Amino acid sequence: MDGVFRMIRLFPWAARGSPPSAVERPLDVVAVHAEYADFVFRSLQRLGVRPPDLEDLSQEVFVVVHKRLHTFDTASPMQAWLFGICKNIVARHRQRAYVRRETTAIPPPETSSEGIQPTPEESLATKQARAELEELLRELDPVKCVVFVMFEIEQMGCEEIAKELGVPVGTVHSRLHKARKAFEKALARRQARLSRGRRR
């Protein structure tokens, strides 16, 4: 498993905040925002959104929430539904022309914790690994993806994840197991596509 998840260690994920409390029914967008604004902000960070874009994308998420709240299945976790919206907003954000232009260039050198600047080749390799991981995460179901990101990328414990999502610890274990299987399958499909491309 270590080899499968090696590239996810490249992500500089942001610090976490306190877990949200449950929103009382009936739902309205003001209540959802009050209870889950921090969760949405952290979710956007988990999906690799840069700090300058976090506020704007957070607002976009709640515009969608306002339009689609009537479609939310109250039997499902609110966090998973919001995380799915965040994934769609981030994907759309990356497809915009100015984002594509920014992400095609090699990023400026960054200083590592040892004070050594990576080479342009290393920076490009890191950038490509991030893009590959983001592509794989987009293939996961939002319910599974949020647990996968919290555990494998943010290194959160299962009990902490359970508190964050408001679900039993056993549910976290089950979702994490399914998420790992789904991630491995997505990775295998990607490797197969690359292999076919090299043979042509």
Protein backbone atom coordinates (compact mmCIF):
# COMPACT_ATOMS: atom_id res chain seq x y z
CA MET A 1 0.00 0.00 0.00
CA ASP A 2 2.91 2.39 0.69
CA GLY A 3 3.83 2.40 -2.99
CA VAL A 4 0.26 3.10 -4.05
CA PHE A 5 -0.01 6.18 -1.86
CA ARG A 6 3.56 7.46 -2.17
CA MET A 7 2.68 10.44 -4.35
CA ILE A 8 0.08 11.78 -1.94
CA ARG A 9 2.80 12.75 0.51
CA LEU A 10 3.76 15.57 -1.86
CA PHE A 11 0.76 17.67 -0.87
CA PRO A 12 1.27 20.55 1.60
CA TRP A 13 -2.24 20.27 3.07
CA ALA A 14 -3.45 23.03 5.36
CA ALA A 15 -4.09 22.79 9.07
CA ARG A 16 -7.43 21.60 10.34
CA GLY A 17 -9.99 23.40 12.43
CA SER A 18 -12.57 22.21 14.91
CA PRO A 19 -15.26 19.73 13.80
CA PRO A 20 -18.62 21.14 12.72
CA SER A 21 -21.76 20.40 14.63
CA ALA A 22 -24.92 18.99 13.11
CA VAL A 23 -27.33 21.24 11.23
CA GLU A 24 -30.86 21.00 12.51
CA ARG A 25 -33.69 20.28 10.10
CA PRO A 26 -35.36 21.86 8.24
CA LEU A 27 -32.30 23.02 6.35
CA ASP A 28 -31.68 26.48 5.00
CA VAL A 29 -28.58 27.91 3.40
CA VAL A 30 -27.90 30.30 6.31
CA ALA A 31 -27.86 27.41 8.77
CA VAL A 32 -25.72 25.28 6.47
CA HIS A 33 -23.22 28.13 6.05
CA ALA A 34 -23.09 28.78 9.78
CA GLU A 35 -22.39 25.14 10.59
CA TYR A 36 -20.26 24.06 7.63
CA ALA A 37 -18.37 27.11 6.32
CA ASP A 38 -15.16 25.94 8.02
CA PHE A 39 -15.63 22.42 6.67
CA VAL A 40 -16.06 23.76 3.12
CA PHE A 41 -12.98 25.97 3.51
CA ARG A 42 -10.90 23.03 4.72
CA SER A 43 -12.27 20.79 1.98
CA LEU A 44 -11.14 23.26 -0.67
CA GLN A 45 -7.71 23.28 0.96
CA ARG A 46 -7.68 19.49 0.94
CA LEU A 47 -8.39 19.58 -2.79
CA GLY A 48 -5.32 21.74 -3.38
CA VAL A 49 -6.90 25.17 -3.87
CA ARG A 50 -4.35 27.95 -3.46
CA PRO A 51 -4.87 30.45 -0.60
CA PRO A 52 -5.69 33.43 -2.89
CA ASP A 53 -8.61 31.49 -4.42
CA LEU A 54 -10.10 29.95 -1.29
CA GLU A 55 -12.53 32.74 -0.41
CA ASP A 56 -13.95 33.06 -3.93
CA LEU A 57 -14.39 29.33 -4.37
CA SER A 58 -15.97 29.01 -0.94
CA GLN A 59 -18.56 31.57 -2.01
CA GLU A 60 -19.15 29.63 -5.23
CA VAL A 61 -19.81 26.49 -3.21
CA PHE A 62 -22.53 28.19 -1.19
CA VAL A 63 -24.10 29.66 -4.31
CA VAL A 64 -24.51 26.08 -5.50
CA VAL A 65 -25.80 25.07 -2.06
CA HIS A 66 -28.41 27.82 -2.26
CA LYS A 67 -29.58 26.56 -5.65
CA ARG A 68 -29.52 22.84 -4.89
CA LEU A 69 -30.28 22.53 -1.19
CA HIS A 70 -33.77 21.30 -2.00
CA THR A 71 -32.20 18.25 -3.70
CA PHE A 72 -30.17 17.20 -0.65
CA ASP A 73 -31.11 13.79 0.75
CA THR A 74 -31.34 14.33 4.51
CA ALA A 75 -30.61 10.64 5.07
CA SER A 76 -27.09 11.19 3.68
CA PRO A 77 -24.13 12.95 5.38
CA MET A 78 -24.17 16.70 4.74
CA GLN A 79 -20.36 16.74 4.69
CA ALA A 80 -20.17 14.24 1.84
CA TRP A 81 -22.70 16.25 -0.19
CA LEU A 82 -20.75 19.46 0.38
CA PHE A 83 -17.47 17.74 -0.42
CA GLY A 84 -18.92 16.61 -3.75
CA ILE A 85 -19.88 20.20 -4.55
CA CYS A 86 -16.38 21.34 -3.60
CA LYS A 87 -14.87 18.77 -5.98
CA ASN A 88 -17.04 20.02 -8.85
CA ILE A 89 -16.25 23.67 -8.13
CA VAL A 90 -12.51 22.96 -7.99
CA ALA A 91 -12.61 20.96 -11.24
CA ARG A 92 -14.44 23.79 -12.98
CA HIS A 93 -12.00 26.31 -11.53
CA ARG A 94 -9.05 24.40 -12.99
CA GLN A 95 -10.66 24.28 -16.40
CA ARG A 96 -10.85 28.03 -16.68
CA ALA A 97 -8.44 29.51 -19.19
CA TYR A 98 -6.40 31.61 -16.80
CA VAL A 99 -5.89 28.66 -14.45
CA ARG A 100 -4.75 26.45 -17.33
CA ARG A 101 -2.23 29.09 -18.37
CA GLU A 102 -0.87 29.36 -14.81
CA THR A 103 -0.59 25.63 -14.25
CA THR A 104 1.21 24.83 -17.51
CA ALA A 105 4.32 26.73 -16.46
CA ILE A 106 6.94 25.32 -14.12
CA PRO A 107 6.35 26.84 -10.68
CA PRO A 108 9.05 29.02 -9.09
CA PRO A 109 11.58 27.19 -6.95
CA GLU A 110 10.44 26.45 -3.41
CA THR A 111 12.67 26.06 -0.42
CA SER A 112 12.40 22.71 1.34
CA SER A 113 12.48 22.18 5.10
CA GLU A 114 16.24 21.51 4.78
CA GLY A 115 16.73 24.83 3.00
CA ILE A 116 17.54 23.18 -0.34
CA GLN A 117 15.76 24.51 -3.41
CA PRO A 118 14.36 21.86 -5.76
CA THR A 119 15.58 21.80 -9.33
CA PRO A 120 13.17 22.77 -12.14
CA GLU A 121 12.90 19.06 -12.97
CA GLU A 122 11.96 18.23 -9.38
CA SER A 123 9.41 21.04 -9.29
CA LEU A 124 7.85 19.82 -12.51
CA ALA A 125 7.77 16.23 -11.24
CA THR A 126 6.03 17.38 -8.05
CA LYS A 127 3.53 19.38 -10.09
CA GLN A 128 2.78 16.40 -12.32
CA ALA A 129 2.35 14.09 -9.32
CA ARG A 130 -0.15 16.50 -7.80
CA ALA A 131 -2.11 16.70 -11.03
CA GLU A 132 -2.17 12.91 -11.27
CA LEU A 133 -3.45 12.56 -7.72
CA GLU A 134 -6.15 15.18 -8.28
CA GLU A 135 -7.30 13.29 -11.37
CA LEU A 136 -7.55 10.05 -9.40
CA LEU A 137 -9.42 11.70 -6.54
CA ARG A 138 -12.00 13.05 -8.96
CA GLU A 139 -12.91 9.45 -9.83
CA LEU A 140 -13.81 8.60 -6.23
CA ASP A 141 -17.30 8.86 -4.80
CA PRO A 142 -17.45 12.00 -2.57
CA VAL A 143 -18.39 9.97 0.52
CA LYS A 144 -15.32 7.77 0.07
CA CYS A 145 -13.06 10.57 -1.14
CA VAL A 146 -13.49 12.76 1.92
CA VAL A 147 -12.46 9.92 4.27
CA PHE A 148 -9.56 8.93 2.00
CA VAL A 149 -8.20 12.49 1.89
CA MET A 150 -8.50 12.95 5.65
CA PHE A 151 -6.78 9.65 6.49
CA GLU A 152 -4.20 9.15 3.75
CA ILE A 153 -3.26 12.77 3.03
CA GLU A 154 -3.98 14.68 6.23
CA GLN A 155 -2.92 11.77 8.46
CA MET A 156 -6.01 12.13 10.65
CA GLY A 157 -6.97 9.23 12.90
CA CYS A 158 -10.23 7.35 12.40
CA GLU A 159 -11.72 8.67 15.64
CA GLU A 160 -10.88 12.23 14.64
CA ILE A 161 -12.44 11.69 11.22
CA ALA A 162 -15.54 10.24 12.83
CA LYS A 163 -15.94 13.39 14.93
CA GLU A 164 -15.35 15.63 11.92
CA LEU A 165 -17.96 13.85 9.81
CA GLY A 166 -20.38 13.02 12.58
CA VAL A 167 -20.40 9.26 11.88
CA PRO A 168 -19.43 6.14 13.89
CA VAL A 169 -15.79 5.01 13.81
CA GLY A 170 -16.87 1.74 12.21
CA THR A 171 -18.37 3.71 9.32
CA VAL A 172 -15.04 5.49 8.83
CA HIS A 173 -13.20 2.16 8.67
CA SER A 174 -15.69 0.82 6.13
CA ARG A 175 -15.53 3.91 3.92
CA LEU A 176 -11.75 4.03 4.10
CA HIS A 177 -11.49 0.39 3.03
CA LYS A 178 -13.80 1.00 0.07
CA ALA A 179 -11.98 4.24 -0.80
CA ARG A 180 -8.62 2.48 -0.92
CA LYS A 181 -10.02 -0.20 -3.20
CA ALA A 182 -11.58 2.44 -5.46
CA PHE A 183 -8.33 4.44 -5.53
CA GLU A 184 -6.30 1.35 -6.43
CA LYS A 185 -8.71 0.55 -9.27
CA ALA A 186 -8.54 4.14 -10.54
CA LEU A 187 -4.74 3.99 -10.38
CA ALA A 188 -4.69 0.67 -12.23
CA ARG A 189 -6.94 2.08 -14.97
CA ARG A 190 -4.66 5.08 -15.34
CA GLN A 191 -1.54 2.92 -15.54
CA ALA A 192 -3.22 0.73 -18.15
CA ARG A 193 -4.07 3.79 -20.24
CA LEU A 194 -0.48 5.02 -20.01
CA SER A 195 0.82 1.59 -20.95
CA ARG A 196 -1.40 1.42 -24.03
CA GLY A 197 -0.27 4.91 -25.01
CA ARG A 198 3.41 3.95 -24.81
CA ARG A 199 2.87 0.89 -27.01
CA ARG A 200 1.36 2.95 -29.83
